[in-house]
C-alpha atoms as a PDB file:
ATOM      1  CA  MET A   1       0.223  -0.017  -0.154  1.00  0.00           C
ATOM      2  CA  ALA A   2       1.106   3.573  -0.784  1.00  0.00           C
ATOM      3  CA  GLY A   3       1.542   4.794   2.826  1.00  0.00           C
ATOM      4  CA  THR A   4       3.848   1.608   3.970  1.00  0.00           C
ATOM      5  CA  ARG A   5       7.054   3.346   4.027  1.00  0.00           C
ATOM      6  CA  THR A   6       5.630   6.175   6.156  1.00  0.00           C
ATOM      7  CA  LEU A   7       3.761   3.823   8.390  1.00  0.00           C
ATOM      8  CA  ASN A   8       6.977   1.583   8.881  1.00  0.00           C
ATOM      9  CA  SER A   9       9.220   4.625   9.412  1.00  0.00           C
ATOM     10  CA  PHE A  10       6.729   5.980  12.091  1.00  0.00           C
ATOM     11  CA  PHE A  11       6.368   2.591  13.650  1.00  0.00           C
ATOM     12  CA  TYR A  12      10.139   1.666  14.064  1.00  0.00           C
ATOM     13  CA  ARG A  13      10.873   5.249  15.186  1.00  0.00           C
ATOM     14  CA  ILE A  14       8.051   5.705  17.850  1.00  0.00           C
ATOM     15  CA  PHE A  15       6.188   2.616  18.565  1.00  0.00           C
ATOM     16  CA  LEU A  16       9.195  -0.122  18.770  1.00  0.00           C
ATOM     17  CA  HIS A  17      10.736   2.260  21.431  1.00  0.00           C
ATOM     18  CA  HIS A  18       7.399   1.532  23.648  1.00  0.00           C
ATOM     19  CA  GLN A  19       6.474  -1.852  22.391  1.00  0.00           C
ATOM     20  CA  HIS A  20       7.430  -3.578  25.754  1.00  0.00           C
ATOM     21  CA  LYS A  21       5.032  -1.362  27.695  1.00  0.00           C
ATOM     22  CA  LEU A  22       2.019  -2.332  25.756  1.00  0.00           C
ATOM     23  CA  LYS A  23       2.982  -6.105  26.016  1.00  0.00           C
ATOM     24  CA  ILE A  24       2.692  -5.384  29.612  1.00  0.00           C
ATOM     25  CA  TYR A  25      -0.583  -4.000  29.622  1.00  0.00           C
ATOM     26  CA  LEU A  26      -1.941  -6.610  27.381  1.00  0.00           C
ATOM     27  CA  SER A  27      -2.499 -10.502  27.159  1.00  0.00           C
ATOM     28  CA  PRO A  28      -0.944 -12.140  24.185  1.00  0.00           C
ATOM     29  CA  ARG A  29      -4.497 -12.393  22.628  1.00  0.00           C
ATOM     30  CA  ARG A  30      -5.306  -8.639  23.293  1.00  0.00           C
ATOM     31  CA  PHE A  31      -1.986  -7.699  21.929  1.00  0.00           C
ATOM     32  CA  GLN A  32      -2.788  -9.504  18.550  1.00  0.00           C
ATOM     33  CA  HIS A  33      -6.007  -7.735  18.525  1.00  0.00           C
ATOM     34  CA  ALA A  34      -4.383  -4.392  18.927  1.00  0.00           C
ATOM     35  CA  LEU A  35      -1.922  -5.219  16.018  1.00  0.00           C
ATOM     36  CA  ALA A  36      -4.815  -6.502  13.770  1.00  0.00           C
ATOM     37  CA  CYS A  37      -6.953  -3.347  14.542  1.00  0.00           C
ATOM     38  CA  ALA A  38      -4.005  -0.997  13.867  1.00  0.00           C
ATOM     39  CA  GLN A  39      -3.010  -2.675  10.418  1.00  0.00           C
ATOM     40  CA  LEU A  40      -6.682  -2.712   9.570  1.00  0.00           C
ATOM     41  CA  ALA A  41      -7.321   0.880  10.585  1.00  0.00           C
ATOM     42  CA  ALA A  42      -4.157   2.270   8.697  1.00  0.00           C
ATOM     43  CA  GLU A  43      -5.520   0.565   5.366  1.00  0.00           C
ATOM     44  CA  LEU A  44      -8.993   2.288   5.942  1.00  0.00           C
ATOM     45  CA  ALA A  45      -7.301   5.487   6.667  1.00  0.00           C
ATOM     46  CA  GLU A  46      -5.250   5.081   3.439  1.00  0.00           C
ATOM     47  CA  ASN A  47      -8.421   4.308   1.379  1.00  0.00           C
ATOM     48  CA  SER A  48      -9.935   7.375   2.918  1.00  0.00           C
ATOM     49  CA  GLY A  49      -6.950   9.879   2.350  1.00  0.00           C
ATOM     50  CA  PHE A  50      -6.474  10.089   6.098  1.00  0.00           C
ATOM     51  CA  SER A  51      -3.103   9.759   8.124  1.00  0.00           C
ATOM     52  CA  THR A  52      -2.077   6.108   8.238  1.00  0.00           C
ATOM     53  CA  ASN A  53       0.234   7.129  11.170  1.00  0.00           C
ATOM     54  CA  ARG A  54      -2.411   8.503  13.213  1.00  0.00           C
ATOM     55  CA  ALA A  55      -4.910   5.428  12.473  1.00  0.00           C
ATOM     56  CA  TYR A  56      -2.060   2.912  13.092  1.00  0.00           C
ATOM     57  CA  VAL A  57      -1.249   4.432  16.480  1.00  0.00           C
ATOM     58  CA  ALA A  58      -4.933   4.736  17.542  1.00  0.00           C
ATOM     59  CA  GLY A  59      -5.396   1.130  16.771  1.00  0.00           C
ATOM     60  CA  LEU A  60      -2.569   0.146  18.282  1.00  0.00           C
ATOM     61  CA  LEU A  61      -3.326   1.768  21.550  1.00  0.00           C
ATOM     62  CA  HIS A  62      -7.021   1.722  21.728  1.00  0.00           C
ATOM     63  CA  ASP A  63      -7.219  -0.969  24.270  1.00  0.00           C
ATOM     64  CA  CYS A  64      -4.153  -0.239  26.454  1.00  0.00           C
ATOM     65  CA  ALA A  65      -6.356   0.232  29.524  1.00  0.00           C
ATOM     66  CA  ARG A  66      -8.360  -2.867  28.679  1.00  0.00           C
ATOM     67  CA  GLU A  67      -6.660  -5.269  31.202  1.00  0.00           C
ATOM     68  CA  LEU A  68      -5.748  -2.918  34.132  1.00  0.00           C
ATOM     69  CA  PRO A  69      -5.931  -4.479  37.490  1.00  0.00           C
ATOM     70  CA  GLU A  70      -9.210  -3.420  38.724  1.00  0.00           C
ATOM     71  CA  LYS A  71      -7.873  -1.483  41.848  1.00  0.00           C
ATOM     72  CA  LYS A  72      -5.601   0.441  39.793  1.00  0.00           C
ATOM     73  CA  ALA A  73      -8.439   1.143  37.069  1.00  0.00           C
ATOM     74  CA  LYS A  74     -10.834   2.477  39.885  1.00  0.00           C
ATOM     75  CA  ARG A  75      -7.999   4.734  41.168  1.00  0.00           C
ATOM     76  CA  LEU A  76      -7.204   6.028  37.883  1.00  0.00           C
ATOM     77  CA  LEU A  77     -10.901   6.516  37.134  1.00  0.00           C
ATOM     78  CA  ALA A  78     -11.358   8.287  40.511  1.00  0.00           C
ATOM     79  CA  HIS A  79      -8.810  11.028  39.553  1.00  0.00           C
ATOM     80  CA  TYR A  80     -10.019  11.244  35.933  1.00  0.00           C
ATOM     81  CA  LYS A  81     -11.281  14.660  34.912  1.00  0.00           C
ATOM     82  CA  GLY A  82     -11.068  14.608  31.125  1.00  0.00           C
ATOM     83  CA  LYS A  83     -13.567  14.304  28.456  1.00  0.00           C
ATOM     84  CA  HIS A  84     -15.340  11.450  27.063  1.00  0.00           C
ATOM     85  CA  CYS A  85     -16.170   9.925  30.723  1.00  0.00           C
ATOM     86  CA  PRO A  86     -19.977  10.557  31.178  1.00  0.00           C
ATOM     87  CA  SER A  87     -21.828   9.002  33.878  1.00  0.00           C
ATOM     88  CA  ALA A  88     -23.026   5.965  31.846  1.00  0.00           C
ATOM     89  CA  THR A  89     -19.130   5.212  31.241  1.00  0.00           C
ATOM     90  CA  ARG A  90     -18.278   5.650  34.952  1.00  0.00           C
ATOM     91  CA  ALA A  91     -21.238   3.067  36.031  1.00  0.00           C
ATOM     92  CA  ASN A  92     -20.062   0.528  33.426  1.00  0.00           C
ATOM     93  CA  PRO A  93     -16.622  -1.194  34.191  1.00  0.00           C
ATOM     94  CA  LYS A  94     -16.433  -2.631  30.730  1.00  0.00           C
ATOM     95  CA  LEU A  95     -16.030   0.936  29.411  1.00  0.00           C
ATOM     96  CA  TRP A  96     -13.461   2.255  31.798  1.00  0.00           C
ATOM     97  CA  HIS A  97     -10.754   1.556  29.431  1.00  0.00           C
ATOM     98  CA  MET A  98     -11.811   4.079  26.982  1.00  0.00           C
ATOM     99  CA  PRO A  99     -11.128   7.229  29.288  1.00  0.00           C
ATOM    100  CA  LEU A 100      -8.230   5.249  31.012  1.00  0.00           C
ATOM    101  CA  GLY A 101      -6.948   4.663  27.496  1.00  0.00           C
ATOM    102  CA  ILE A 102      -6.412   8.216  27.066  1.00  0.00           C
ATOM    103  CA  VAL A 103      -4.555   8.544  30.328  1.00  0.00           C
ATOM    104  CA  ILE A 104      -2.350   5.560  29.598  1.00  0.00           C
ATOM    105  CA  ALA A 105      -1.517   6.817  26.063  1.00  0.00           C
ATOM    106  CA  LYS A 106      -0.476  10.122  27.232  1.00  0.00           C
ATOM    107  CA  LYS A 107       1.384   9.133  30.321  1.00  0.00           C
ATOM    108  CA  ASP A 108       3.210   6.107  29.195  1.00  0.00           C
ATOM    109  CA  PHE A 109       3.103   6.497  25.208  1.00  0.00           C
ATOM    110  CA  SER A 110       3.638  10.085  25.227  1.00  0.00           C
ATOM    111  CA  ILE A 111       0.658  10.696  22.874  1.00  0.00           C
ATOM    112  CA  GLN A 112      -0.464  14.115  23.055  1.00  0.00           C
ATOM    113  CA  ASP A 113      -2.471  14.120  19.539  1.00  0.00           C
ATOM    114  CA  SER A 114      -6.098  15.272  20.473  1.00  0.00           C
ATOM    115  CA  MET A 115      -7.606  13.262  17.615  1.00  0.00           C
ATOM    116  CA  ILE A 116      -5.934   9.934  18.648  1.00  0.00           C
ATOM    117  CA  LEU A 117      -6.889  10.606  22.467  1.00  0.00           C
ATOM    118  CA  ARG A 118     -10.341  11.448  21.381  1.00  0.00           C
ATOM    119  CA  ALA A 119     -10.580   8.181  18.978  1.00  0.00           C
ATOM    120  CA  ILE A 120      -9.397   6.185  21.854  1.00  0.00           C
ATOM    121  CA  GLY A 121     -12.053   7.658  24.067  1.00  0.00           C
ATOM    122  CA  VAL A 122     -15.176   6.911  22.195  1.00  0.00           C
ATOM    123  CA  HIS A 123     -14.015   3.667  20.274  1.00  0.00           C
ATOM    124  CA  SER A 124     -16.591   1.339  21.638  1.00  0.00           C
ATOM    125  CA  VAL A 125     -19.423   3.390  21.823  1.00  0.00           C
ATOM    126  CA  GLY A 126     -18.924   6.128  19.369  1.00  0.00           C
ATOM    127  CA  ALA A 127     -20.300   9.548  19.475  1.00  0.00           C
ATOM    128  CA  ALA A 128     -23.071  11.644  17.998  1.00  0.00           C
ATOM    129  CA  ARG A 129     -20.529  13.560  15.841  1.00  0.00           C
ATOM    130  CA  MET A 130     -17.769  10.984  14.734  1.00  0.00           C
ATOM    131  CA  THR A 131     -14.386  12.493  13.280  1.00  0.00           C
ATOM    132  CA  MET A 132     -12.538  10.508  10.385  1.00  0.00           C
ATOM    133  CA  LEU A 133     -10.312   8.669  12.996  1.00  0.00           C
ATOM    134  CA  ASP A 134     -13.257   8.084  15.288  1.00  0.00           C
ATOM    135  CA  THR A 135     -15.012   6.287  12.274  1.00  0.00           C
ATOM    136  CA  ILE A 136     -11.755   4.365  11.219  1.00  0.00           C
ATOM    137  CA  LEU A 137     -11.022   3.016  14.651  1.00  0.00           C
ATOM    138  CA  TYR A 138     -14.789   2.309  15.787  1.00  0.00           C
ATOM    139  CA  VAL A 139     -15.143   0.245  12.617  1.00  0.00           C
ATOM    140  CA  ALA A 140     -11.672  -1.533  12.473  1.00  0.00           C
ATOM    141  CA  ASP A 141     -11.909  -2.597  16.425  1.00  0.00           C
ATOM    142  CA  TYR A 142     -15.413  -4.266  15.549  1.00  0.00           C
ATOM    143  CA  SER A 143     -14.079  -5.843  12.261  1.00  0.00           C
ATOM    144  CA  GLU A 144     -10.373  -6.595  12.215  1.00  0.00           C
ATOM    145  CA  PRO A 145      -9.529 -10.132  11.013  1.00  0.00           C
ATOM    146  CA  LEU A 146      -9.145 -11.963  14.315  1.00  0.00           C
ATOM    147  CA  ARG A 147     -12.632 -10.966  15.243  1.00  0.00           C
ATOM    148  CA  LYS A 148     -14.720 -14.165  15.236  1.00  0.00           C
ATOM    149  CA  HIS A 149     -18.459 -12.826  14.875  1.00  0.00           C
ATOM    150  CA  ALA A 150     -20.007 -13.633  11.546  1.00  0.00           C
ATOM    151  CA  SER A 151     -20.531 -10.040  10.346  1.00  0.00           C
ATOM    152  CA  ALA A 152     -16.737  -9.073  10.530  1.00  0.00           C
ATOM    153  CA  PRO A 153     -15.588 -10.274   7.080  1.00  0.00           C
ATOM    154  CA  ARG A 154     -18.715  -8.561   5.475  1.00  0.00           C
ATOM    155  CA  ILE A 155     -18.137  -5.170   7.323  1.00  0.00           C
ATOM    156  CA  ARG A 156     -14.428  -5.194   6.434  1.00  0.00           C
ATOM    157  CA  ARG A 157     -15.423  -5.723   2.814  1.00  0.00           C
ATOM    158  CA  LEU A 158     -17.936  -2.757   3.102  1.00  0.00           C
ATOM    159  CA  ALA A 159     -15.292  -0.338   4.895  1.00  0.00           C
ATOM    160  CA  LYS A 160     -13.055  -0.885   2.122  1.00  0.00           C
ATOM    161  CA  LYS A 161     -15.699   0.524  -0.405  1.00  0.00           C
ATOM    162  CA  ASN A 162     -17.544   2.900   1.918  1.00  0.00           C
ATOM    163  CA  LEU A 163     -16.315   3.720   5.228  1.00  0.00           C
ATOM    164  CA  PHE A 164     -19.530   5.447   6.479  1.00  0.00           C
ATOM    165  CA  ALA A 165     -21.872   2.704   5.211  1.00  0.00           C
ATOM    166  CA  ALA A 166     -19.520   0.621   7.380  1.00  0.00           C
ATOM    167  CA  LEU A 167     -19.929   2.710  10.389  1.00  0.00           C
ATOM    168  CA  ARG A 168     -23.755   2.436  10.021  1.00  0.00           C
ATOM    169  CA  GLN A 169     -23.780  -1.374   9.893  1.00  0.00           C
ATOM    170  CA  VAL A 170     -21.553  -1.508  12.878  1.00  0.00           C
ATOM    171  CA  THR A 171     -23.984   0.889  14.826  1.00  0.00           C
ATOM    172  CA  VAL A 172     -26.984  -1.397  13.649  1.00  0.00           C
ATOM    173  CA  ASP A 173     -25.090  -4.649  14.894  1.00  0.00           C
ATOM    174  CA  LYS A 174     -24.200  -3.271  18.109  1.00  0.00           C
ATOM    175  CA  CYS A 175     -27.693  -1.859  18.996  1.00  0.00           C
ATOM    176  CA  ALA A 176     -29.096  -5.159  18.120  1.00  0.00           C
ATOM    177  CA  TYR A 177     -26.597  -7.186  20.121  1.00  0.00           C
ATOM    178  CA  LEU A 178     -27.143  -4.857  23.163  1.00  0.00           C
ATOM    179  CA  LYS A 179     -31.133  -5.242  22.674  1.00  0.00           C
ATOM    180  CA  LYS A 180     -30.880  -8.986  22.314  1.00  0.00           C
ATOM    181  CA  LYS A 181     -28.908  -9.141  25.409  1.00  0.00           C
ATOM    182  CA  GLY A 182     -31.378  -6.999  27.416  1.00  0.00           C
ATOM    183  CA  LEU A 183     -28.422  -4.440  27.862  1.00  0.00           C
ATOM    184  CA  SER A 184     -29.015  -0.563  28.167  1.00  0.00           C
ATOM    185  CA  GLN A 185     -27.815   1.756  25.386  1.00  0.00           C
ATOM    186  CA  HIS A 186     -25.171   3.973  26.068  1.00  0.00           C
ATOM    187  CA  PRO A 187     -26.114   7.728  25.597  1.00  0.00           C
ATOM    188  CA  ASN A 188     -23.234   8.090  23.062  1.00  0.00           C
ATOM    189  CA  SER A 189     -24.591   5.044  21.088  1.00  0.00           C
ATOM    190  CA  LEU A 190     -28.083   6.270  21.193  1.00  0.00           C
ATOM    191  CA  ALA A 191     -26.828   9.912  19.927  1.00  0.00           C
ATOM    192  CA  LEU A 192     -24.922   8.105  16.916  1.00  0.00           C
ATOM    193  CA  ALA A 193     -27.873   5.733  16.176  1.00  0.00           C
ATOM    194  CA  LYS A 194     -30.209   8.913  16.097  1.00  0.00           C
ATOM    195  CA  ARG A 195     -27.671  10.731  13.822  1.00  0.00           C
ATOM    196  CA  LEU A 196     -27.667   7.967  11.403  1.00  0.00           C
ATOM    197  CA  LYS A 197     -31.230   7.482  11.284  1.00  0.00           C
ATOM    198  CA  ILE A 198     -31.155   4.165  13.089  1.00  0.00           C
ATOM    199  CA  LYS A 199     -34.078   2.981  14.967  1.00  0.00           C
ATOM    200  CA  VAL A 200     -33.049   1.512  18.512  1.00  0.00           C
END
């Protein structure tokens, strides 16, 4: 792909310096998911004329807080004062890794790019207004090649042709899953569904 040289240069200069840190935070399975997500995000970014570097880093680090010990996660969350952590997120431990991912990306990986940090902060539930990077990460996280759910290959194919159609389909799938499980929708997810004219 056309952006490979740029991506590889960035990867070797920036990420390999910190790779051991990410492996400490993540299990081998989660680390492989992060790599697969980063690779797909970079591909979708290139297809969309967006920065492959930003997309790769966002994909790589989006779950950096996913496996923090519960006590540490609670302690960090208690002191978190930034954006992207409404009460619905604080009430659901499965979503803590989004705001805490911002903390870890800044503190341990020296990421200061506000676009990357925002994408990490909303990657599971979306937002009423999605940036290009938000959209890329949201879709890549859901459909990267190691995902086992049946719709992942179809969404990957769709995303490579029409990223925003893929955004809509991922949102439909997520809303349907939560409804089937009898789980409440996050306000961000509801706002995104409303914007995309999806009935929930």
